[in-house]
Amino acid sequence: MGVKLTDGNNDIVIGTSNGLAIRFNEKDVREMGRTATGVRGIKLGKDDYVIGCIVVKRTASLLVVTDQGFGKRSDINDYRITRRGGKGVITVKTGDKIGKLIAMKEVEDND
């Protein structure tokens, strides 16, 4: 998966292969010791897995790409802030034609 550096006050967006994404404030993630198992970021459905996460640091858009070559760009503010551990909201309606989500990035107009 990956690790992102934050300043303690950012929002996190986690995306899944089935086209769902959740946005929550990182203060919802409590501090733990090294041997702890962690906390749930997003509830996964059957045959679903996390494909990426971003740390929202600027007013930008979320760009997602599917394995069939489709892309979609959405305003970050379209993702309501929720609590961690939820199912998320639909980012892309996946299927045979569109494919599964494979990547997500935070982008601005000049990127």
PDB file of N, CA and C in Angstrom:
ATOM      1  N   MET A   1       0.840  -1.174   0.000  1.00  0.00           N
ATOM      2  CA  MET A   1       0.000   0.000   0.000  1.00  0.00           C
ATOM      3  C   MET A   1       0.881   1.231   0.000  1.00  0.00           C
ATOM      4  N   GLY A   2       1.217   1.749   1.142  1.00  0.00           N
ATOM      5  CA  GLY A   2       2.058   2.931   1.182  1.00  0.00           C
ATOM      6  C   GLY A   2       1.889   3.698   2.474  1.00  0.00           C
ATOM      7  N   VAL A   3       2.730   4.677   2.642  1.00  0.00           N
ATOM      8  CA  VAL A   3       2.720   5.531   3.828  1.00  0.00           C
ATOM      9  C   VAL A   3       2.795   6.969   3.345  1.00  0.00           C
ATOM     10  N   LYS A   4       2.037   7.843   3.975  1.00  0.00           N
ATOM     11  CA  LYS A   4       2.045   9.256   3.620  1.00  0.00           C
ATOM     12  C   LYS A   4       2.401  10.072   4.855  1.00  0.00           C
ATOM     13  N   LEU A   5       3.190  11.114   4.673  1.00  0.00           N
ATOM     14  CA  LEU A   5       3.580  12.018   5.752  1.00  0.00           C
ATOM     15  C   LEU A   5       2.536  13.128   5.878  1.00  0.00           C
ATOM     16  N   THR A   6       2.099  13.396   7.107  1.00  0.00           N
ATOM     17  CA  THR A   6       1.098  14.434   7.350  1.00  0.00           C
ATOM     18  C   THR A   6       1.576  15.355   8.465  1.00  0.00           C
ATOM     19  N   ASP A   7       0.820  16.442   8.681  1.00  0.00           N
ATOM     20  CA  ASP A   7       1.176  17.359   9.757  1.00  0.00           C
ATOM     21  C   ASP A   7       0.246  17.230  10.959  1.00  0.00           C
ATOM     22  N   GLY A   8      -0.675  16.268  10.926  1.00  0.00           N
ATOM     23  CA  GLY A   8      -1.582  16.045  12.046  1.00  0.00           C
ATOM     24  C   GLY A   8      -2.941  16.711  11.894  1.00  0.00           C
ATOM     25  N   ASN A   9      -3.116  17.506  10.843  1.00  0.00           N
ATOM     26  CA  ASN A   9      -4.365  18.250  10.662  1.00  0.00           C
ATOM     27  C   ASN A   9      -5.008  18.051   9.295  1.00  0.00           C
ATOM     28  N   ASN A  10      -4.580  17.050   8.552  1.00  0.00           N
ATOM     29  CA  ASN A  10      -5.060  16.857   7.189  1.00  0.00           C
ATOM     30  C   ASN A  10      -6.235  15.882   7.117  1.00  0.00           C
ATOM     31  N   ASP A  11      -6.914  15.910   5.980  1.00  0.00           N
ATOM     32  CA  ASP A  11      -7.904  14.898   5.664  1.00  0.00           C
ATOM     33  C   ASP A  11      -7.227  13.815   4.831  1.00  0.00           C
ATOM     34  N   ILE A  12      -7.725  12.603   4.960  1.00  0.00           N
ATOM     35  CA  ILE A  12      -7.211  11.448   4.231  1.00  0.00           C
ATOM     36  C   ILE A  12      -8.325  10.939   3.324  1.00  0.00           C
ATOM     37  N   VAL A  13      -7.990  10.578   2.084  1.00  0.00           N
ATOM     38  CA  VAL A  13      -8.933   9.922   1.185  1.00  0.00           C
ATOM     39  C   VAL A  13      -8.346   8.553   0.842  1.00  0.00           C
ATOM     40  N   ILE A  14      -9.136   7.498   1.061  1.00  0.00           N
ATOM     41  CA  ILE A  14      -8.735   6.138   0.733  1.00  0.00           C
ATOM     42  C   ILE A  14      -9.666   5.626  -0.356  1.00  0.00           C
ATOM     43  N   GLY A  15      -9.099   5.023  -1.412  1.00  0.00           N
ATOM     44  CA  GLY A  15      -9.884   4.494  -2.519  1.00  0.00           C
ATOM     45  C   GLY A  15      -9.738   2.991  -2.641  1.00  0.00           C
ATOM     46  N   THR A  16     -10.782   2.350  -3.186  1.00  0.00           N
ATOM     47  CA  THR A  16     -10.773   0.895  -3.354  1.00  0.00           C
ATOM     48  C   THR A  16     -10.947   0.510  -4.819  1.00  0.00           C
ATOM     49  N   SER A  17     -10.626  -0.734  -5.142  1.00  0.00           N
ATOM     50  CA  SER A  17     -10.704  -1.214  -6.517  1.00  0.00           C
ATOM     51  C   SER A  17     -12.133  -1.236  -7.044  1.00  0.00           C
ATOM     52  N   ASN A  18     -13.121  -1.348  -6.170  1.00  0.00           N
ATOM     53  CA  ASN A  18     -14.520  -1.357  -6.598  1.00  0.00           C
ATOM     54  C   ASN A  18     -15.092   0.049  -6.779  1.00  0.00           C
ATOM     55  N   GLY A  19     -14.241   1.072  -6.766  1.00  0.00           N
ATOM     56  CA  GLY A  19     -14.664   2.425  -7.098  1.00  0.00           C
ATOM     57  C   GLY A  19     -15.196   3.254  -5.947  1.00  0.00           C
ATOM     58  N   LEU A  20     -14.968   2.828  -4.709  1.00  0.00           N
ATOM     59  CA  LEU A  20     -15.430   3.588  -3.552  1.00  0.00           C
ATOM     60  C   LEU A  20     -14.277   4.393  -2.959  1.00  0.00           C
ATOM     61  N   ALA A  21     -14.611   5.500  -2.300  1.00  0.00           N
ATOM     62  CA  ALA A  21     -13.604   6.317  -1.617  1.00  0.00           C
ATOM     63  C   ALA A  21     -14.219   6.912  -0.358  1.00  0.00           C
ATOM     64  N   ILE A  22     -13.396   7.055   0.667  1.00  0.00           N
ATOM     65  CA  ILE A  22     -13.843   7.650   1.928  1.00  0.00           C
ATOM     66  C   ILE A  22     -12.877   8.764   2.295  1.00  0.00           C
ATOM     67  N   ARG A  23     -13.430   9.831   2.856  1.00  0.00           N
ATOM     68  CA  ARG A  23     -12.619  10.968   3.317  1.00  0.00           C
ATOM     69  C   ARG A  23     -12.879  11.169   4.797  1.00  0.00           C
ATOM     70  N   PHE A  24     -11.805  11.249   5.569  1.00  0.00           N
ATOM     71  CA  PHE A  24     -11.925  11.487   7.004  1.00  0.00           C
ATOM     72  C   PHE A  24     -10.720  12.282   7.482  1.00  0.00           C
ATOM     73  N   ASN A  25     -10.878  12.922   8.637  1.00  0.00           N
ATOM     74  CA  ASN A  25      -9.790  13.693   9.215  1.00  0.00           C
ATOM     75  C   ASN A  25      -8.845  12.750   9.938  1.00  0.00           C
ATOM     76  N   GLU A  26      -7.566  12.999   9.805  1.00  0.00           N
ATOM     77  CA  GLU A  26      -6.588  12.094  10.404  1.00  0.00           C
ATOM     78  C   GLU A  26      -6.626  12.095  11.935  1.00  0.00           C
ATOM     79  N   LYS A  27      -7.272  13.075  12.542  1.00  0.00           N
ATOM     80  CA  LYS A  27      -7.396  13.071  14.001  1.00  0.00           C
ATOM     81  C   LYS A  27      -8.283  11.932  14.478  1.00  0.00           C
ATOM     82  N   ASP A  28      -9.076  11.317  13.549  1.00  0.00           N
ATOM     83  CA  ASP A  28      -9.882  10.142  13.891  1.00  0.00           C
ATOM     84  C   ASP A  28      -9.029   8.893  14.084  1.00  0.00           C
ATOM     85  N   VAL A  29      -7.771   8.946  13.662  1.00  0.00           N
ATOM     86  CA  VAL A  29      -6.871   7.798  13.804  1.00  0.00           C
ATOM     87  C   VAL A  29      -6.038   8.003  15.053  1.00  0.00           C
ATOM     88  N   ARG A  30      -6.282   7.162  16.040  1.00  0.00           N
ATOM     89  CA  ARG A  30      -5.578   7.341  17.311  1.00  0.00           C
ATOM     90  C   ARG A  30      -4.138   6.816  17.226  1.00  0.00           C
ATOM     91  N   GLU A  31      -3.302   7.373  18.046  1.00  0.00           N
ATOM     92  CA  GLU A  31      -1.904   6.987  18.117  1.00  0.00           C
ATOM     93  C   GLU A  31      -1.776   5.627  18.784  1.00  0.00           C
ATOM     94  N   MET A  32      -0.858   4.787  18.280  1.00  0.00           N
ATOM     95  CA  MET A  32      -0.679   3.436  18.819  1.00  0.00           C
ATOM     96  C   MET A  32       0.790   3.090  18.890  1.00  0.00           C
ATOM     97  N   GLY A  33       1.057   2.036  19.608  1.00  0.00           N
ATOM     98  CA  GLY A  33       2.416   1.519  19.707  1.00  0.00           C
ATOM     99  C   GLY A  33       2.787   0.689  18.490  1.00  0.00           C
ATOM    100  N   ARG A  34       4.033   0.306  18.400  1.00  0.00           N
ATOM    101  CA  ARG A  34       4.555  -0.433  17.255  1.00  0.00           C
ATOM    102  C   ARG A  34       3.896  -1.783  17.070  1.00  0.00           C
ATOM    103  N   THR A  35       3.525  -2.446  18.148  1.00  0.00           N
ATOM    104  CA  THR A  35       2.972  -3.797  18.050  1.00  0.00           C
ATOM    105  C   THR A  35       1.458  -3.822  17.847  1.00  0.00           C
ATOM    106  N   ALA A  36       0.812  -2.673  17.823  1.00  0.00           N
ATOM    107  CA  ALA A  36      -0.643  -2.613  17.626  1.00  0.00           C
ATOM    108  C   ALA A  36      -1.003  -2.983  16.185  1.00  0.00           C
ATOM    109  N   THR A  37      -2.233  -3.424  15.979  1.00  0.00           N
ATOM    110  CA  THR A  37      -2.667  -3.837  14.641  1.00  0.00           C
ATOM    111  C   THR A  37      -3.217  -2.692  13.811  1.00  0.00           C
ATOM    112  N   GLY A  38      -3.501  -1.550  14.389  1.00  0.00           N
ATOM    113  CA  GLY A  38      -3.988  -0.402  13.649  1.00  0.00           C
ATOM    114  C   GLY A  38      -5.487  -0.233  13.768  1.00  0.00           C
ATOM    115  N   VAL A  39      -6.045   0.685  12.974  1.00  0.00           N
ATOM    116  CA  VAL A  39      -7.479   0.958  12.970  1.00  0.00           C
ATOM    117  C   VAL A  39      -7.994   0.826  11.536  1.00  0.00           C
ATOM    118  N   ARG A  40      -9.298   0.584  11.402  1.00  0.00           N
ATOM    119  CA  ARG A  40      -9.908   0.431  10.082  1.00  0.00           C
ATOM    120  C   ARG A  40     -10.075   1.804   9.435  1.00  0.00           C
ATOM    121  N   GLY A  41      -9.623   1.925   8.189  1.00  0.00           N
ATOM    122  CA  GLY A  41      -9.804   3.158   7.442  1.00  0.00           C
ATOM    123  C   GLY A  41     -11.084   3.135   6.630  1.00  0.00           C
ATOM    124  N   ILE A  42     -11.335   1.992   5.952  1.00  0.00           N
ATOM    125  CA  ILE A  42     -12.526   1.832   5.118  1.00  0.00           C
ATOM    126  C   ILE A  42     -12.985   0.381   5.207  1.00  0.00           C
ATOM    127  N   LYS A  43     -14.288   0.195   5.222  1.00  0.00           N
ATOM    128  CA  LYS A  43     -14.857  -1.146   5.264  1.00  0.00           C
ATOM    129  C   LYS A  43     -14.896  -1.689   3.835  1.00  0.00           C
ATOM    130  N   LEU A  44     -14.258  -2.835   3.626  1.00  0.00           N
ATOM    131  CA  LEU A  44     -14.153  -3.407   2.282  1.00  0.00           C
ATOM    132  C   LEU A  44     -15.242  -4.432   2.022  1.00  0.00           C
ATOM    133  N   GLY A  45     -15.770  -4.424   0.799  1.00  0.00           N
ATOM    134  CA  GLY A  45     -16.744  -5.414   0.366  1.00  0.00           C
ATOM    135  C   GLY A  45     -16.039  -6.666  -0.146  1.00  0.00           C
ATOM    136  N   LYS A  46     -16.837  -7.612  -0.630  1.00  0.00           N
ATOM    137  CA  LYS A  46     -16.295  -8.865  -1.153  1.00  0.00           C
ATOM    138  C   LYS A  46     -15.409  -8.579  -2.370  1.00  0.00           C
ATOM    139  N   ASP A  47     -14.248  -9.199  -2.400  1.00  0.00           N
ATOM    140  CA  ASP A  47     -13.279  -9.064  -3.497  1.00  0.00           C
ATOM    141  C   ASP A  47     -12.830  -7.617  -3.719  1.00  0.00           C
ATOM    142  N   ASP A  48     -12.876  -6.789  -2.694  1.00  0.00           N
ATOM    143  CA  ASP A  48     -12.439  -5.404  -2.793  1.00  0.00           C
ATOM    144  C   ASP A  48     -11.118  -5.251  -2.053  1.00  0.00           C
ATOM    145  N   TYR A  49     -10.310  -4.289  -2.453  1.00  0.00           N
ATOM    146  CA  TYR A  49      -9.048  -3.997  -1.776  1.00  0.00           C
ATOM    147  C   TYR A  49      -8.687  -2.529  -1.994  1.00  0.00           C
ATOM    148  N   VAL A  50      -7.859  -2.015  -1.111  1.00  0.00           N
ATOM    149  CA  VAL A  50      -7.431  -0.613  -1.173  1.00  0.00           C
ATOM    150  C   VAL A  50      -6.407  -0.458  -2.294  1.00  0.00           C
ATOM    151  N   ILE A  51      -6.614   0.576  -3.137  1.00  0.00           N
ATOM    152  CA  ILE A  51      -5.686   0.819  -4.243  1.00  0.00           C
ATOM    153  C   ILE A  51      -4.813   2.044  -4.005  1.00  0.00           C
ATOM    154  N   GLY A  52      -5.182   2.870  -3.033  1.00  0.00           N
ATOM    155  CA  GLY A  52      -4.367   4.044  -2.771  1.00  0.00           C
ATOM    156  C   GLY A  52      -4.992   4.974  -1.754  1.00  0.00           C
ATOM    157  N   CYS A  53      -4.194   5.937  -1.343  1.00  0.00           N
ATOM    158  CA  CYS A  53      -4.686   6.969  -0.434  1.00  0.00           C
ATOM    159  C   CYS A  53      -3.959   8.263  -0.755  1.00  0.00           C
ATOM    160  N   ILE A  54      -4.616   9.357  -0.433  1.00  0.00           N
ATOM    161  CA  ILE A  54      -3.987  10.662  -0.594  1.00  0.00           C
ATOM    162  C   ILE A  54      -4.186  11.457   0.682  1.00  0.00           C
ATOM    163  N   VAL A  55      -3.273  12.368   0.926  1.00  0.00           N
ATOM    164  CA  VAL A  55      -3.390  13.322   2.018  1.00  0.00           C
ATOM    165  C   VAL A  55      -3.800  14.639   1.377  1.00  0.00           C
ATOM    166  N   VAL A  56      -4.962  15.147   1.758  1.00  0.00           N
ATOM    167  CA  VAL A  56      -5.476  16.384   1.168  1.00  0.00           C
ATOM    168  C   VAL A  56      -4.715  17.552   1.775  1.00  0.00           C
ATOM    169  N   LYS A  57      -3.845  18.173   0.970  1.00  0.00           N
ATOM    170  CA  LYS A  57      -3.025  19.278   1.452  1.00  0.00           C
ATOM    171  C   LYS A  57      -3.333  20.590   0.753  1.00  0.00           C
ATOM    172  N   ARG A  58      -4.143  20.538  -0.284  1.00  0.00           N
ATOM    173  CA  ARG A  58      -4.442  21.748  -1.049  1.00  0.00           C
ATOM    174  C   ARG A  58      -5.843  21.626  -1.635  1.00  0.00           C
ATOM    175  N   THR A  59      -6.351  22.725  -2.158  1.00  0.00           N
ATOM    176  CA  THR A  59      -7.649  22.688  -2.822  1.00  0.00           C
ATOM    177  C   THR A  59      -7.404  22.143  -4.218  1.00  0.00           C
ATOM    178  N   ALA A  60      -7.765  20.899  -4.426  1.00  0.00           N
ATOM    179  CA  ALA A  60      -7.405  20.238  -5.663  1.00  0.00           C
ATOM    180  C   ALA A  60      -8.523  19.300  -6.105  1.00  0.00           C
ATOM    181  N   SER A  61      -8.186  18.467  -7.065  1.00  0.00           N
ATOM    182  CA  SER A  61      -9.106  17.465  -7.581  1.00  0.00           C
ATOM    183  C   SER A  61      -8.532  16.085  -7.322  1.00  0.00           C
ATOM    184  N   LEU A  62      -9.427  15.096  -7.330  1.00  0.00           N
ATOM    185  CA  LEU A  62      -9.021  13.702  -7.200  1.00  0.00           C
ATOM    186  C   LEU A  62      -9.097  13.082  -8.588  1.00  0.00           C
ATOM    187  N   LEU A  63      -7.981  12.595  -9.099  1.00  0.00           N
ATOM    188  CA  LEU A  63      -7.916  11.934 -10.389  1.00  0.00           C
ATOM    189  C   LEU A  63      -7.805  10.440 -10.153  1.00  0.00           C
ATOM    190  N   VAL A  64      -8.744   9.677 -10.730  1.00  0.00           N
ATOM    191  CA  VAL A  64      -8.706   8.216 -10.610  1.00  0.00           C
ATOM    192  C   VAL A  64      -8.615   7.604 -11.999  1.00  0.00           C
ATOM    193  N   VAL A  65      -7.989   6.428 -12.087  1.00  0.00           N
ATOM    194  CA  VAL A  65      -7.785   5.735 -13.350  1.00  0.00           C
ATOM    195  C   VAL A  65      -8.186   4.277 -13.172  1.00  0.00           C
ATOM    196  N   THR A  66      -8.832   3.706 -14.216  1.00  0.00           N
ATOM    197  CA  THR A  66      -9.247   2.307 -14.154  1.00  0.00           C
ATOM    198  C   THR A  66      -8.331   1.439 -15.013  1.00  0.00           C
ATOM    199  N   ASP A  67      -8.442   0.122 -14.817  1.00  0.00           N
ATOM    200  CA  ASP A  67      -7.597  -0.794 -15.578  1.00  0.00           C
ATOM    201  C   ASP A  67      -8.013  -0.925 -17.043  1.00  0.00           C
ATOM    202  N   GLN A  68      -9.132  -0.334 -17.434  1.00  0.00           N
ATOM    203  CA  GLN A  68      -9.553  -0.314 -18.834  1.00  0.00           C
ATOM    204  C   GLN A  68      -9.220   1.017 -19.512  1.00  0.00           C
ATOM    205  N   GLY A  69      -8.447   1.867 -18.815  1.00  0.00           N
ATOM    206  CA  GLY A  69      -7.978   3.111 -19.411  1.00  0.00           C
ATOM    207  C   GLY A  69      -8.876   4.315 -19.218  1.00  0.00           C
ATOM    208  N   PHE A  70      -9.915   4.194 -18.413  1.00  0.00           N
ATOM    209  CA  PHE A  70     -10.798   5.327 -18.147  1.00  0.00           C
ATOM    210  C   PHE A  70     -10.244   6.150 -16.996  1.00  0.00           C
ATOM    211  N   GLY A  71     -10.472   7.452 -17.048  1.00  0.00           N
ATOM    212  CA  GLY A  71     -10.061   8.348 -15.981  1.00  0.00           C
ATOM    213  C   GLY A  71     -11.213   9.256 -15.596  1.00  0.00           C
ATOM    214  N   LYS A  72     -11.193   9.718 -14.371  1.00  0.00           N
ATOM    215  CA  LYS A  72     -12.218  10.647 -13.906  1.00  0.00           C
ATOM    216  C   LYS A  72     -11.573  11.603 -12.919  1.00  0.00           C
ATOM    217  N   ARG A  73     -11.935  12.872 -13.053  1.00  0.00           N
ATOM    218  CA  ARG A  73     -11.411  13.897 -12.154  1.00  0.00           C
ATOM    219  C   ARG A  73     -12.580  14.520 -11.409  1.00  0.00           C
ATOM    220  N   SER A  74     -12.523  14.506 -10.075  1.00  0.00           N
ATOM    221  CA  SER A  74     -13.598  15.035  -9.228  1.00  0.00           C
ATOM    222  C   SER A  74     -13.011  16.032  -8.242  1.00  0.00           C
ATOM    223  N   ASP A  75     -13.803  17.029  -7.885  1.00  0.00           N
ATOM    224  CA  ASP A  75     -13.391  17.999  -6.877  1.00  0.00           C
ATOM    225  C   ASP A  75     -13.298  17.295  -5.522  1.00  0.00           C
ATOM    226  N   ILE A  76     -12.209  17.519  -4.812  1.00  0.00           N
ATOM    227  CA  ILE A  76     -12.017  16.906  -3.489  1.00  0.00           C
ATOM    228  C   ILE A  76     -13.175  17.263  -2.558  1.00  0.00           C
ATOM    229  N   ASN A  77     -13.700  18.469  -2.680  1.00  0.00           N
ATOM    230  CA  ASN A  77     -14.779  18.897  -1.791  1.00  0.00           C
ATOM    231  C   ASN A  77     -16.102  18.185  -2.056  1.00  0.00           C
ATOM    232  N   ASP A  78     -16.198  17.435  -3.170  1.00  0.00           N
ATOM    233  CA  ASP A  78     -17.381  16.620  -3.430  1.00  0.00           C
ATOM    234  C   ASP A  78     -17.441  15.406  -2.503  1.00  0.00           C
ATOM    235  N   TYR A  79     -16.329  15.091  -1.860  1.00  0.00           N
ATOM    236  CA  TYR A  79     -16.261  13.975  -0.918  1.00  0.00           C
ATOM    237  C   TYR A  79     -16.503  14.519   0.481  1.00  0.00           C
ATOM    238  N   ARG A  80     -17.658  14.212   1.039  1.00  0.00           N
ATOM    239  CA  ARG A  80     -17.980  14.723   2.372  1.00  0.00           C
ATOM    240  C   ARG A  80     -17.052  14.080   3.401  1.00  0.00           C
ATOM    241  N   ILE A  81     -16.769  14.822   4.444  1.00  0.00           N
ATOM    242  CA  ILE A  81     -15.915  14.309   5.521  1.00  0.00           C
ATOM    243  C   ILE A  81     -16.781  13.432   6.420  1.00  0.00           C
ATOM    244  N   THR A  82     -16.353  12.191   6.608  1.00  0.00           N
ATOM    245  CA  THR A  82     -17.071  11.237   7.450  1.00  0.00           C
ATOM    246  C   THR A  82     -16.137  10.719   8.522  1.00  0.00           C
ATOM    247  N   ARG A  83     -16.579   9.729   9.239  1.00  0.00           N
ATOM    248  CA  ARG A  83     -15.726   9.036  10.205  1.00  0.00           C
ATOM    249  C   ARG A  83     -15.022   7.901   9.480  1.00  0.00           C
ATOM    250  N   ARG A  84     -13.873   7.521   9.954  1.00  0.00           N
ATOM    251  CA  ARG A  84     -13.165   6.399   9.339  1.00  0.00           C
ATOM    252  C   ARG A  84     -13.941   5.110   9.600  1.00  0.00           C
ATOM    253  N   GLY A  85     -13.719   4.103   8.777  1.00  0.00           N
ATOM    254  CA  GLY A  85     -14.358   2.806   8.962  1.00  0.00           C
ATOM    255  C   GLY A  85     -15.660   2.629   8.219  1.00  0.00           C
ATOM    256  N   GLY A  86     -16.113   3.643   7.472  1.00  0.00           N
ATOM    257  CA  GLY A  86     -17.345   3.527   6.696  1.00  0.00           C
ATOM    258  C   GLY A  86     -17.092   2.866   5.353  1.00  0.00           C
ATOM    259  N   LYS A  87     -18.139   2.710   4.553  1.00  0.00           N
ATOM    260  CA  LYS A  87     -18.031   2.080   3.235  1.00  0.00           C
ATOM    261  C   LYS A  87     -17.542   3.051   2.168  1.00  0.00           C
ATOM    262  N   GLY A  88     -17.734   4.348   2.382  1.00  0.00           N
ATOM    263  CA  GLY A  88     -17.313   5.330   1.403  1.00  0.00           C
ATOM    264  C   GLY A  88     -18.418   5.679   0.425  1.00  0.00           C
ATOM    265  N   VAL A  89     -18.082   6.517  -0.547  1.00  0.00           N
ATOM    266  CA  VAL A  89     -19.022   6.938  -1.585  1.00  0.00           C
ATOM    267  C   VAL A  89     -18.499   6.481  -2.945  1.00  0.00           C
ATOM    268  N   ILE A  90     -19.398   6.383  -3.909  1.00  0.00           N
ATOM    269  CA  ILE A  90     -19.010   5.921  -5.243  1.00  0.00           C
ATOM    270  C   ILE A  90     -18.195   7.010  -5.944  1.00  0.00           C
ATOM    271  N   THR A  91     -17.005   6.641  -6.357  1.00  0.00           N
ATOM    272  CA  THR A  91     -16.144   7.530  -7.124  1.00  0.00           C
ATOM    273  C   THR A  91     -16.296   7.229  -8.609  1.00  0.00           C
ATOM    274  N   VAL A  92     -16.265   5.950  -8.940  1.00  0.00           N
ATOM    275  CA  VAL A  92     -16.442   5.472 -10.305  1.00  0.00           C
ATOM    276  C   VAL A  92     -17.324   4.235 -10.248  1.00  0.00           C
ATOM    277  N   LYS A  93     -18.298   4.164 -11.149  1.00  0.00           N
ATOM    278  CA  LYS A  93     -19.117   2.949 -11.248  1.00  0.00           C
ATOM    279  C   LYS A  93     -18.327   1.927 -12.061  1.00  0.00           C
ATOM    280  N   THR A  94     -17.790   0.923 -11.403  1.00  0.00           N
ATOM    281  CA  THR A  94     -16.953  -0.067 -12.062  1.00  0.00           C
ATOM    282  C   THR A  94     -17.818  -1.115 -12.756  1.00  0.00           C
ATOM    283  N   GLY A  95     -17.240  -1.801 -13.707  1.00  0.00           N
ATOM    284  CA  GLY A  95     -17.931  -2.852 -14.454  1.00  0.00           C
ATOM    285  C   GLY A  95     -17.020  -3.380 -15.542  1.00  0.00           C
ATOM    286  N   ASP A  96     -17.565  -4.217 -16.425  1.00  0.00           N
ATOM    287  CA  ASP A  96     -16.756  -4.823 -17.489  1.00  0.00           C
ATOM    288  C   ASP A  96     -16.179  -3.770 -18.434  1.00  0.00           C
ATOM    289  N   LYS A  97     -16.983  -2.778 -18.798  1.00  0.00           N
ATOM    290  CA  LYS A  97     -16.527  -1.752 -19.735  1.00  0.00           C
ATOM    291  C   LYS A  97     -15.533  -0.798 -19.074  1.00  0.00           C
ATOM    292  N   ILE A  98     -15.853  -0.300 -17.885  1.00  0.00           N
ATOM    293  CA  ILE A  98     -15.027   0.695 -17.186  1.00  0.00           C
ATOM    294  C   ILE A  98     -13.820   0.047 -16.530  1.00  0.00           C
ATOM    295  N   GLY A  99     -14.005  -1.113 -15.942  1.00  0.00           N
ATOM    296  CA  GLY A  99     -12.927  -1.802 -15.248  1.00  0.00           C
ATOM    297  C   GLY A  99     -12.874  -1.440 -13.775  1.00  0.00           C
ATOM    298  N   LYS A 100     -11.843  -1.910 -13.113  1.00  0.00           N
ATOM    299  CA  LYS A 100     -11.607  -1.655 -11.689  1.00  0.00           C
ATOM    300  C   LYS A 100     -10.680  -0.464 -11.522  1.00  0.00           C
ATOM    301  N   LEU A 101     -10.818   0.228 -10.401  1.00  0.00           N
ATOM    302  CA  LEU A 101      -9.937   1.339 -10.076  1.00  0.00           C
ATOM    303  C   LEU A 101      -8.533   0.797  -9.793  1.00  0.00           C
ATOM    304  N   ILE A 102      -7.508   1.468 -10.326  1.00  0.00           N
ATOM    305  CA  ILE A 102      -6.141   1.015 -10.083  1.00  0.00           C
ATOM    306  C   ILE A 102      -5.230   2.089  -9.497  1.00  0.00           C
ATOM    307  N   ALA A 103      -5.626   3.373  -9.616  1.00  0.00           N
ATOM    308  CA  ALA A 103      -4.757   4.433  -9.091  1.00  0.00           C
ATOM    309  C   ALA A 103      -5.561   5.688  -8.803  1.00  0.00           C
ATOM    310  N   MET A 104      -5.038   6.487  -7.866  1.00  0.00           N
ATOM    311  CA  MET A 104      -5.653   7.786  -7.536  1.00  0.00           C
ATOM    312  C   MET A 104      -4.552   8.769  -7.149  1.00  0.00           C
ATOM    313  N   LYS A 105      -4.723  10.031  -7.549  1.00  0.00           N
ATOM    314  CA  LYS A 105      -3.765  11.098  -7.250  1.00  0.00           C
ATOM    315  C   LYS A 105      -4.504  12.393  -6.997  1.00  0.00           C
ATOM    316  N   GLU A 106      -3.910  13.248  -6.190  1.00  0.00           N
ATOM    317  CA  GLU A 106      -4.397  14.602  -5.984  1.00  0.00           C
ATOM    318  C   GLU A 106      -3.746  15.488  -7.058  1.00  0.00           C
ATOM    319  N   VAL A 107      -4.567  16.205  -7.840  1.00  0.00           N
ATOM    320  CA  VAL A 107      -4.023  17.024  -8.929  1.00  0.00           C
ATOM    321  C   VAL A 107      -4.652  18.409  -8.923  1.00  0.00           C
ATOM    322  N   GLU A 108      -3.928  19.356  -9.519  1.00  0.00           N
ATOM    323  CA  GLU A 108      -4.432  20.702  -9.762  1.00  0.00           C
ATOM    324  C   GLU A 108      -4.406  20.961 -11.258  1.00  0.00           C
ATOM    325  N   ASP A 109      -4.963  22.080 -11.710  1.00  0.00           N
ATOM    326  CA  ASP A 109      -5.071  22.379 -13.129  1.00  0.00           C
ATOM    327  C   ASP A 109      -3.715  22.350 -13.851  1.00  0.00           C
ATOM    328  N   ASN A 110      -2.655  22.794 -13.200  1.00  0.00           N
ATOM    329  CA  ASN A 110      -1.354  22.892 -13.863  1.00  0.00           C
ATOM    330  C   ASN A 110      -0.497  21.634 -13.728  1.00  0.00           C
ATOM    331  N   ASP A 111      -0.994  20.602 -13.052  1.00  0.00           N
ATOM    332  CA  ASP A 111      -0.226  19.361 -12.898  1.00  0.00           C
ATOM    333  C   ASP A 111      -0.184  18.578 -14.199  1.00  0.00           C
TER     334      ASP A 111
END
